[in-house]
Amino acid sequence: MNAKFASSIILSIVCAISLSFSNPVLAGDKLTSQKVHNAVWQFLEGSAGGLQVIGVLEVPQQNVAKADLVIQNWLLATPKNDPVTAYALGPGGQTFKWSGRAVAVFVHYNDGRWVLNRVAFERGTFDNLNIVAR
């Protein structure tokens, strides 16, 4: 093996190792159930009686993850005079408790952050939440 070829292989290996340690995405920054729980609980503003994370499915090729949830006794307040909310949740100006399954969608940014983007449940979807999972 000639010296030039050997040095280029060593340089490639050093670059790959250095890149994997400097880039959290390549270093394996996983979205844990605890991080999902913390972000969704922040979204719920503590207004639910309970939150269970069933599981987290990461799709690395798309830089997203989906988390299946069960929410118990979520206290929802509906705004007045909002026809979209009224269609999905009933007349505005009321509060009610909801329990059931939901799905949270997280986006993985190249700086390593997982960010809660969407929570969907049987009566509607909350988009563009922008809550960092910690």
Protein backbone atom coordinates (compact mmCIF):
# COMPACT_ATOMS: atom_id res chain seq x y z
CA MET A 1 0.00 0.00 0.00
CA ASN A 2 1.49 3.33 -0.92
CA ALA A 3 1.91 6.08 1.69
CA LYS A 4 -0.40 8.56 -0.07
CA PHE A 5 -3.27 6.04 -0.18
CA ALA A 6 -2.74 5.03 3.46
CA SER A 7 -2.69 8.64 4.64
CA SER A 8 -5.92 9.42 2.75
CA ILE A 9 -7.64 6.44 4.43
CA ILE A 10 -6.45 7.60 7.86
CA LEU A 11 -7.61 11.15 7.12
CA SER A 12 -11.05 9.84 6.06
CA ILE A 13 -11.39 7.84 9.26
CA VAL A 14 -10.33 10.78 11.45
CA CYS A 15 -12.81 13.09 9.66
CA ALA A 16 -15.65 10.57 10.07
CA ILE A 17 -14.92 10.13 13.79
CA SER A 18 -14.62 13.86 14.38
CA LEU A 19 -17.85 14.55 12.47
CA SER A 20 -19.77 11.94 14.46
CA PHE A 21 -18.71 13.54 17.76
CA SER A 22 -19.32 17.14 16.68
CA ASN A 23 -22.71 16.49 15.10
CA PRO A 24 -25.33 15.32 17.65
CA VAL A 25 -27.48 13.84 14.88
CA LEU A 26 -24.71 11.45 13.88
CA ALA A 27 -23.73 10.85 17.51
CA GLY A 28 -27.13 9.22 18.14
CA ASP A 29 -29.18 11.87 19.95
CA LYS A 30 -32.32 9.80 20.57
CA LEU A 31 -35.78 11.05 21.37
CA THR A 32 -36.60 9.27 24.62
CA SER A 33 -40.01 8.65 26.14
CA GLN A 34 -39.08 11.03 28.96
CA LYS A 35 -38.26 13.84 26.50
CA VAL A 36 -41.57 13.21 24.71
CA HIS A 37 -43.42 13.27 28.04
CA ASN A 38 -41.78 16.56 29.09
CA ALA A 39 -42.52 18.33 25.78
CA VAL A 40 -46.12 17.14 25.55
CA TRP A 41 -46.73 17.96 29.22
CA GLN A 42 -45.46 21.49 28.53
CA PHE A 43 -47.92 21.70 25.60
CA LEU A 44 -50.76 20.49 27.84
CA GLU A 45 -49.69 23.15 30.38
CA GLY A 46 -50.23 20.63 33.16
CA SER A 47 -53.98 20.67 32.49
CA ALA A 48 -54.26 16.90 32.08
CA GLY A 49 -54.77 14.35 34.81
CA GLY A 50 -52.25 12.01 33.25
CA LEU A 51 -50.04 11.41 30.24
CA GLN A 52 -48.62 8.08 29.12
CA VAL A 53 -46.13 7.67 26.28
CA ILE A 54 -46.90 4.33 24.61
CA GLY A 55 -43.88 4.40 22.30
CA VAL A 56 -41.65 6.49 20.06
CA LEU A 57 -40.93 5.68 16.42
CA GLU A 58 -38.03 7.59 14.86
CA VAL A 59 -37.79 7.90 11.07
CA PRO A 60 -34.17 9.05 10.60
CA GLN A 61 -34.46 9.30 6.81
CA GLN A 62 -37.09 12.02 7.25
CA ASN A 63 -35.73 13.61 10.47
CA VAL A 64 -39.03 13.07 12.25
CA ALA A 65 -40.43 10.93 15.04
CA LYS A 66 -43.95 9.93 16.01
CA ALA A 67 -44.99 9.24 19.58
CA ASP A 68 -48.18 7.42 20.51
CA LEU A 69 -49.80 8.84 23.64
CA VAL A 70 -52.67 8.32 26.02
CA ILE A 71 -53.97 11.49 27.66
CA GLN A 72 -56.31 11.32 30.66
CA ASN A 73 -58.67 14.08 31.74
CA TRP A 74 -57.23 16.85 29.60
CA LEU A 75 -59.06 20.07 30.50
CA LEU A 76 -59.70 21.89 27.23
CA ALA A 77 -61.04 25.44 27.04
CA THR A 78 -62.71 26.41 23.78
CA PRO A 79 -62.44 30.03 22.61
CA LYS A 80 -65.60 32.01 21.97
CA ASN A 81 -66.67 32.92 18.43
CA ASP A 82 -64.24 30.60 16.65
CA PRO A 83 -66.13 28.59 14.00
CA VAL A 84 -63.26 26.16 13.40
CA THR A 85 -62.95 25.31 17.08
CA ALA A 86 -66.72 25.16 17.44
CA TYR A 87 -66.90 22.62 14.59
CA ALA A 88 -64.25 20.38 16.15
CA LEU A 89 -64.88 20.83 19.87
CA GLY A 90 -68.36 22.27 20.28
CA PRO A 91 -69.63 25.74 21.16
CA GLY A 92 -67.01 28.19 22.37
CA GLY A 93 -66.57 29.56 25.84
CA GLN A 94 -66.75 26.15 27.50
CA THR A 95 -64.31 23.82 29.15
CA PHE A 96 -64.50 20.07 29.03
CA LYS A 97 -62.39 17.06 29.90
CA TRP A 98 -61.10 14.76 27.21
CA SER A 99 -59.39 11.38 27.51
CA GLY A 100 -58.05 9.15 24.76
CA ARG A 101 -55.24 8.38 22.36
CA ALA A 102 -53.18 11.05 20.63
CA VAL A 103 -50.12 11.27 18.39
CA ALA A 104 -47.25 13.73 18.78
CA VAL A 105 -44.94 14.53 15.86
CA PHE A 106 -41.39 15.74 16.47
CA VAL A 107 -38.89 17.23 14.01
CA HIS A 108 -35.14 16.57 14.36
CA TYR A 109 -32.96 19.53 13.45
CA ASN A 110 -29.33 19.20 12.37
CA ASP A 111 -28.14 20.87 15.59
CA GLY A 112 -29.48 17.86 17.50
CA ARG A 113 -32.72 19.37 18.85
CA TRP A 114 -35.95 17.40 18.79
CA VAL A 115 -38.88 19.84 18.57
CA LEU A 116 -42.56 19.03 19.16
CA ASN A 117 -44.36 20.21 16.05
CA ARG A 118 -47.85 18.66 16.21
CA VAL A 119 -50.28 16.94 18.54
CA ALA A 120 -53.28 15.27 16.93
CA PHE A 121 -56.24 13.64 18.61
CA GLU A 122 -59.70 12.52 17.51
CA ARG A 123 -61.19 16.02 17.68
CA GLY A 124 -58.45 18.06 16.08
CA THR A 125 -54.81 18.91 15.56
CA PHE A 126 -52.54 21.49 17.13
CA ASP A 127 -49.76 22.50 14.69
CA ASN A 128 -46.55 24.55 14.78
CA LEU A 129 -46.06 24.09 18.52
CA ASN A 130 -42.27 24.63 18.48
CA ILE A 131 -41.55 23.09 21.91
CA VAL A 132 -38.02 21.72 22.36
CA ALA A 133 -37.93 18.23 23.86
CA ARG A 134 -35.60 18.17 26.88
